[in-house]
Amino acid sequence: MFKLGQNVQQESGDQIMEVIDLEPGVIKNVITEWKDELGNTMIGKFSELQLTDVDSEKITIGS
């Protein structure tokens, strides 16, 4: 489950997006926002199953 403000990306993509809204339902729809290569703000809707959490995949090296 995702939460507002969380960074996500599609399983097969490399574009990092921010969760800006959630639509409840049997399968949750996640509304995301990101900037394209021209600086335009883009908004997309994805099934929760299509996205992965980018924040939890960060690896910290050293201490």
PDB file of N, CA and C in Angstrom:
ATOM      1  N   MET A   1       0.836  -1.171   0.000  1.00  0.00           N
ATOM      2  CA  MET A   1       0.000   0.000   0.000  1.00  0.00           C
ATOM      3  C   MET A   1       0.892   1.250   0.000  1.00  0.00           C
ATOM      4  N   PHE A   2       0.530   2.215  -0.794  1.00  0.00           N
ATOM      5  CA  PHE A   2       1.299   3.443  -0.918  1.00  0.00           C
ATOM      6  C   PHE A   2       0.635   4.558  -0.126  1.00  0.00           C
ATOM      7  N   LYS A   3       1.411   5.611   0.156  1.00  0.00           N
ATOM      8  CA  LYS A   3       0.863   6.755   0.874  1.00  0.00           C
ATOM      9  C   LYS A   3       1.228   8.037   0.135  1.00  0.00           C
ATOM     10  N   LEU A   4       0.501   9.097   0.415  1.00  0.00           N
ATOM     11  CA  LEU A   4       0.730  10.376  -0.242  1.00  0.00           C
ATOM     12  C   LEU A   4       2.156  10.860  -0.004  1.00  0.00           C
ATOM     13  N   GLY A   5       2.771  11.398  -1.058  1.00  0.00           N
ATOM     14  CA  GLY A   5       4.128  11.917  -0.964  1.00  0.00           C
ATOM     15  C   GLY A   5       5.217  10.882  -1.189  1.00  0.00           C
ATOM     16  N   GLN A   6       4.843   9.630  -1.297  1.00  0.00           N
ATOM     17  CA  GLN A   6       5.810   8.548  -1.473  1.00  0.00           C
ATOM     18  C   GLN A   6       6.333   8.547  -2.915  1.00  0.00           C
ATOM     19  N   ASN A   7       7.599   8.191  -3.097  1.00  0.00           N
ATOM     20  CA  ASN A   7       8.181   8.062  -4.432  1.00  0.00           C
ATOM     21  C   ASN A   7       8.021   6.633  -4.925  1.00  0.00           C
ATOM     22  N   VAL A   8       7.530   6.505  -6.160  1.00  0.00           N
ATOM     23  CA  VAL A   8       7.288   5.197  -6.765  1.00  0.00           C
ATOM     24  C   VAL A   8       7.763   5.205  -8.214  1.00  0.00           C
ATOM     25  N   GLN A   9       7.824   4.026  -8.797  1.00  0.00           N
ATOM     26  CA  GLN A   9       8.072   3.910 -10.228  1.00  0.00           C
ATOM     27  C   GLN A   9       7.425   2.640 -10.746  1.00  0.00           C
ATOM     28  N   GLN A  10       7.196   2.622 -12.064  1.00  0.00           N
ATOM     29  CA  GLN A  10       6.643   1.423 -12.675  1.00  0.00           C
ATOM     30  C   GLN A  10       7.691   0.329 -12.619  1.00  0.00           C
ATOM     31  N   GLU A  11       7.230  -0.910 -12.523  1.00  0.00           N
ATOM     32  CA  GLU A  11       8.161  -2.039 -12.443  1.00  0.00           C
ATOM     33  C   GLU A  11       9.104  -2.085 -13.634  1.00  0.00           C
ATOM     34  N   SER A  12       8.622  -1.718 -14.807  1.00  0.00           N
ATOM     35  CA  SER A  12       9.460  -1.809 -16.009  1.00  0.00           C
ATOM     36  C   SER A  12      10.007  -0.455 -16.449  1.00  0.00           C
ATOM     37  N   GLY A  13       9.862   0.575 -15.624  1.00  0.00           N
ATOM     38  CA  GLY A  13      10.305   1.903 -16.028  1.00  0.00           C
ATOM     39  C   GLY A  13      11.386   2.458 -15.121  1.00  0.00           C
ATOM     40  N   ASP A  14      11.872   3.644 -15.484  1.00  0.00           N
ATOM     41  CA  ASP A  14      12.885   4.280 -14.656  1.00  0.00           C
ATOM     42  C   ASP A  14      12.474   5.675 -14.188  1.00  0.00           C
ATOM     43  N   GLN A  15      11.288   6.138 -14.603  1.00  0.00           N
ATOM     44  CA  GLN A  15      10.776   7.444 -14.195  1.00  0.00           C
ATOM     45  C   GLN A  15      10.291   7.389 -12.747  1.00  0.00           C
ATOM     46  N   ILE A  16      10.838   8.257 -11.890  1.00  0.00           N
ATOM     47  CA  ILE A  16      10.405   8.306 -10.497  1.00  0.00           C
ATOM     48  C   ILE A  16       9.258   9.303 -10.392  1.00  0.00           C
ATOM     49  N   MET A  17       8.177   8.872  -9.739  1.00  0.00           N
ATOM     50  CA  MET A  17       6.961   9.673  -9.621  1.00  0.00           C
ATOM     51  C   MET A  17       6.577   9.818  -8.154  1.00  0.00           C
ATOM     52  N   GLU A  18       5.848  10.879  -7.825  1.00  0.00           N
ATOM     53  CA  GLU A  18       5.370  11.091  -6.470  1.00  0.00           C
ATOM     54  C   GLU A  18       3.872  10.784  -6.406  1.00  0.00           C
ATOM     55  N   VAL A  19       3.451  10.057  -5.386  1.00  0.00           N
ATOM     56  CA  VAL A  19       2.029   9.754  -5.186  1.00  0.00           C
ATOM     57  C   VAL A  19       1.337  11.019  -4.708  1.00  0.00           C
ATOM     58  N   ILE A  20       0.293  11.464  -5.459  1.00  0.00           N
ATOM     59  CA  ILE A  20      -0.434  12.671  -5.078  1.00  0.00           C
ATOM     60  C   ILE A  20      -1.880  12.384  -4.682  1.00  0.00           C
ATOM     61  N   ASP A  21      -2.397  11.175  -4.974  1.00  0.00           N
ATOM     62  CA  ASP A  21      -3.763  10.823  -4.590  1.00  0.00           C
ATOM     63  C   ASP A  21      -3.934   9.314  -4.685  1.00  0.00           C
ATOM     64  N   LEU A  22      -4.901   8.793  -3.966  1.00  0.00           N
ATOM     65  CA  LEU A  22      -5.231   7.366  -3.979  1.00  0.00           C
ATOM     66  C   LEU A  22      -6.730   7.214  -4.213  1.00  0.00           C
ATOM     67  N   GLU A  23      -7.108   6.308  -5.112  1.00  0.00           N
ATOM     68  CA  GLU A  23      -8.515   6.017  -5.367  1.00  0.00           C
ATOM     69  C   GLU A  23      -8.828   4.639  -4.808  1.00  0.00           C
ATOM     70  N   PRO A  24      -9.638   4.568  -3.760  1.00  0.00           N
ATOM     71  CA  PRO A  24      -9.964   3.266  -3.171  1.00  0.00           C
ATOM     72  C   PRO A  24     -10.803   2.418  -4.115  1.00  0.00           C
ATOM     73  N   GLY A  25     -10.710   1.140  -3.918  1.00  0.00           N
ATOM     74  CA  GLY A  25     -11.473   0.191  -4.716  1.00  0.00           C
ATOM     75  C   GLY A  25     -10.921  -1.198  -4.479  1.00  0.00           C
ATOM     76  N   VAL A  26     -11.410  -2.163  -5.263  1.00  0.00           N
ATOM     77  CA  VAL A  26     -10.914  -3.527  -5.138  1.00  0.00           C
ATOM     78  C   VAL A  26      -9.405  -3.539  -5.382  1.00  0.00           C
ATOM     79  N   ILE A  27      -8.997  -2.915  -6.473  1.00  0.00           N
ATOM     80  CA  ILE A  27      -7.578  -2.695  -6.747  1.00  0.00           C
ATOM     81  C   ILE A  27      -7.386  -1.185  -6.697  1.00  0.00           C
ATOM     82  N   LYS A  28      -6.544  -0.727  -5.794  1.00  0.00           N
ATOM     83  CA  LYS A  28      -6.363   0.721  -5.631  1.00  0.00           C
ATOM     84  C   LYS A  28      -5.689   1.328  -6.847  1.00  0.00           C
ATOM     85  N   ASN A  29      -6.210   2.473  -7.267  1.00  0.00           N
ATOM     86  CA  ASN A  29      -5.551   3.263  -8.289  1.00  0.00           C
ATOM     87  C   ASN A  29      -4.713   4.314  -7.592  1.00  0.00           C
ATOM     88  N   VAL A  30      -3.500   4.500  -8.092  1.00  0.00           N
ATOM     89  CA  VAL A  30      -2.562   5.455  -7.515  1.00  0.00           C
ATOM     90  C   VAL A  30      -2.365   6.573  -8.531  1.00  0.00           C
ATOM     91  N   ILE A  31      -2.621   7.815  -8.116  1.00  0.00           N
ATOM     92  CA  ILE A  31      -2.434   8.970  -8.987  1.00  0.00           C
ATOM     93  C   ILE A  31      -1.036   9.530  -8.691  1.00  0.00           C
ATOM     94  N   THR A  32      -0.243   9.672  -9.755  1.00  0.00           N
ATOM     95  CA  THR A  32       1.134  10.117  -9.580  1.00  0.00           C
ATOM     96  C   THR A  32       1.412  11.383 -10.382  1.00  0.00           C
ATOM     97  N   GLU A  33       2.489  12.059 -10.011  1.00  0.00           N
ATOM     98  CA  GLU A  33       2.908  13.278 -10.697  1.00  0.00           C
ATOM     99  C   GLU A  33       4.422  13.240 -10.865  1.00  0.00           C
ATOM    100  N   TRP A  34       4.891  13.721 -12.022  1.00  0.00           N
ATOM    101  CA  TRP A  34       6.318  13.790 -12.282  1.00  0.00           C
ATOM    102  C   TRP A  34       6.577  14.859 -13.331  1.00  0.00           C
ATOM    103  N   LYS A  35       7.828  15.216 -13.502  1.00  0.00           N
ATOM    104  CA  LYS A  35       8.236  16.178 -14.534  1.00  0.00           C
ATOM    105  C   LYS A  35       8.852  15.410 -15.694  1.00  0.00           C
ATOM    106  N   ASP A  36       8.447  15.773 -16.923  1.00  0.00           N
ATOM    107  CA  ASP A  36       9.059  15.137 -18.088  1.00  0.00           C
ATOM    108  C   ASP A  36      10.372  15.837 -18.425  1.00  0.00           C
ATOM    109  N   GLU A  37      11.031  15.387 -19.486  1.00  0.00           N
ATOM    110  CA  GLU A  37      12.342  15.916 -19.849  1.00  0.00           C
ATOM    111  C   GLU A  37      12.303  17.393 -20.256  1.00  0.00           C
ATOM    112  N   LEU A  38      11.105  17.916 -20.576  1.00  0.00           N
ATOM    113  CA  LEU A  38      10.964  19.330 -20.930  1.00  0.00           C
ATOM    114  C   LEU A  38      10.544  20.186 -19.738  1.00  0.00           C
ATOM    115  N   GLY A  39      10.344  19.550 -18.578  1.00  0.00           N
ATOM    116  CA  GLY A  39       9.936  20.279 -17.388  1.00  0.00           C
ATOM    117  C   GLY A  39       8.436  20.391 -17.202  1.00  0.00           C
ATOM    118  N   ASN A  40       7.659  19.744 -18.077  1.00  0.00           N
ATOM    119  CA  ASN A  40       6.203  19.757 -17.948  1.00  0.00           C
ATOM    120  C   ASN A  40       5.768  18.833 -16.818  1.00  0.00           C
ATOM    121  N   THR A  41       4.762  19.246 -16.068  1.00  0.00           N
ATOM    122  CA  THR A  41       4.214  18.394 -15.017  1.00  0.00           C
ATOM    123  C   THR A  41       3.248  17.394 -15.643  1.00  0.00           C
ATOM    124  N   MET A  42       3.499  16.127 -15.403  1.00  0.00           N
ATOM    125  CA  MET A  42       2.673  15.051 -15.948  1.00  0.00           C
ATOM    126  C   MET A  42       1.951  14.371 -14.786  1.00  0.00           C
ATOM    127  N   ILE A  43       0.730  13.915 -15.052  1.00  0.00           N
ATOM    128  CA  ILE A  43      -0.054  13.200 -14.050  1.00  0.00           C
ATOM    129  C   ILE A  43      -0.517  11.893 -14.676  1.00  0.00           C
ATOM    130  N   GLY A  44      -0.398  10.808 -13.920  1.00  0.00           N
ATOM    131  CA  GLY A  44      -0.805   9.503 -14.428  1.00  0.00           C
ATOM    132  C   GLY A  44      -1.545   8.701 -13.372  1.00  0.00           C
ATOM    133  N   LYS A  45      -2.311   7.730 -13.841  1.00  0.00           N
ATOM    134  CA  LYS A  45      -3.047   6.834 -12.948  1.00  0.00           C
ATOM    135  C   LYS A  45      -2.566   5.418 -13.212  1.00  0.00           C
ATOM    136  N   PHE A  46      -2.187   4.739 -12.144  1.00  0.00           N
ATOM    137  CA  PHE A  46      -1.668   3.381 -12.258  1.00  0.00           C
ATOM    138  C   PHE A  46      -2.344   2.485 -11.239  1.00  0.00           C
ATOM    139  N   SER A  47      -2.453   1.216 -11.555  1.00  0.00           N
ATOM    140  CA  SER A  47      -2.888   0.225 -10.577  1.00  0.00           C
ATOM    141  C   SER A  47      -1.776   0.069  -9.557  1.00  0.00           C
ATOM    142  N   GLU A  48      -2.144  -0.128  -8.319  1.00  0.00           N
ATOM    143  CA  GLU A  48      -1.173  -0.336  -7.250  1.00  0.00           C
ATOM    144  C   GLU A  48      -0.189  -1.464  -7.596  1.00  0.00           C
ATOM    145  N   LEU A  49      -0.668  -2.462  -8.333  1.00  0.00           N
ATOM    146  CA  LEU A  49       0.154  -3.622  -8.686  1.00  0.00           C
ATOM    147  C   LEU A  49       1.249  -3.291  -9.704  1.00  0.00           C
ATOM    148  N   GLN A  50       1.108  -2.165 -10.431  1.00  0.00           N
ATOM    149  CA  GLN A  50       2.082  -1.793 -11.464  1.00  0.00           C
ATOM    150  C   GLN A  50       3.272  -1.025 -10.905  1.00  0.00           C
ATOM    151  N   LEU A  51       3.205  -0.602  -9.629  1.00  0.00           N
ATOM    152  CA  LEU A  51       4.208   0.294  -9.072  1.00  0.00           C
ATOM    153  C   LEU A  51       5.046  -0.360  -7.993  1.00  0.00           C
ATOM    154  N   THR A  52       6.269   0.132  -7.845  1.00  0.00           N
ATOM    155  CA  THR A  52       7.130  -0.304  -6.757  1.00  0.00           C
ATOM    156  C   THR A  52       7.559   0.920  -5.953  1.00  0.00           C
ATOM    157  N   ASP A  53       7.873   0.706  -4.692  1.00  0.00           N
ATOM    158  CA  ASP A  53       8.279   1.761  -3.777  1.00  0.00           C
ATOM    159  C   ASP A  53       9.756   2.057  -3.979  1.00  0.00           C
ATOM    160  N   VAL A  54      10.073   3.267  -4.422  1.00  0.00           N
ATOM    161  CA  VAL A  54      11.458   3.649  -4.658  1.00  0.00           C
ATOM    162  C   VAL A  54      12.167   3.923  -3.337  1.00  0.00           C
ATOM    163  N   ASP A  55      11.485   4.524  -2.373  1.00  0.00           N
ATOM    164  CA  ASP A  55      12.090   4.897  -1.102  1.00  0.00           C
ATOM    165  C   ASP A  55      12.648   3.684  -0.351  1.00  0.00           C
ATOM    166  N   SER A  56      11.959   2.562  -0.401  1.00  0.00           N
ATOM    167  CA  SER A  56      12.418   1.379   0.347  1.00  0.00           C
ATOM    168  C   SER A  56      13.565   0.665  -0.368  1.00  0.00           C
ATOM    169  N   GLU A  57      13.814   1.000  -1.628  1.00  0.00           N
ATOM    170  CA  GLU A  57      14.880   0.343  -2.383  1.00  0.00           C
ATOM    171  C   GLU A  57      16.222   1.064  -2.249  1.00  0.00           C
ATOM    172  N   LYS A  58      16.244   2.223  -1.585  1.00  0.00           N
ATOM    173  CA  LYS A  58      17.487   2.965  -1.407  1.00  0.00           C
ATOM    174  C   LYS A  58      18.412   2.173  -0.488  1.00  0.00           C
ATOM    175  N   ILE A  59      19.661   2.118  -0.861  1.00  0.00           N
ATOM    176  CA  ILE A  59      20.658   1.392  -0.059  1.00  0.00           C
ATOM    177  C   ILE A  59      21.650   2.410   0.509  1.00  0.00           C
ATOM    178  N   THR A  60      21.839   2.342   1.796  1.00  0.00           N
ATOM    179  CA  THR A  60      22.802   3.235   2.434  1.00  0.00           C
ATOM    180  C   THR A  60      24.107   2.463   2.650  1.00  0.00           C
ATOM    181  N   ILE A  61      25.212   3.043   2.165  1.00  0.00           N
ATOM    182  CA  ILE A  61      26.518   2.403   2.296  1.00  0.00           C
ATOM    183  C   ILE A  61      27.308   3.162   3.349  1.00  0.00           C
ATOM    184  N   GLY A  62      27.877   2.424   4.269  1.00  0.00           N
ATOM    185  CA  GLY A  62      28.654   3.046   5.336  1.00  0.00           C
ATOM    186  C   GLY A  62      27.772   3.504   6.480  1.00  0.00           C
ATOM    187  N   SER A  63      28.388   3.985   7.531  1.00  0.00           N
ATOM    188  CA  SER A  63      27.610   4.482   8.665  1.00  0.00           C
ATOM    189  C   SER A  63      28.311   5.641   9.337  1.00  0.00           C
TER     190      SER A  63
END
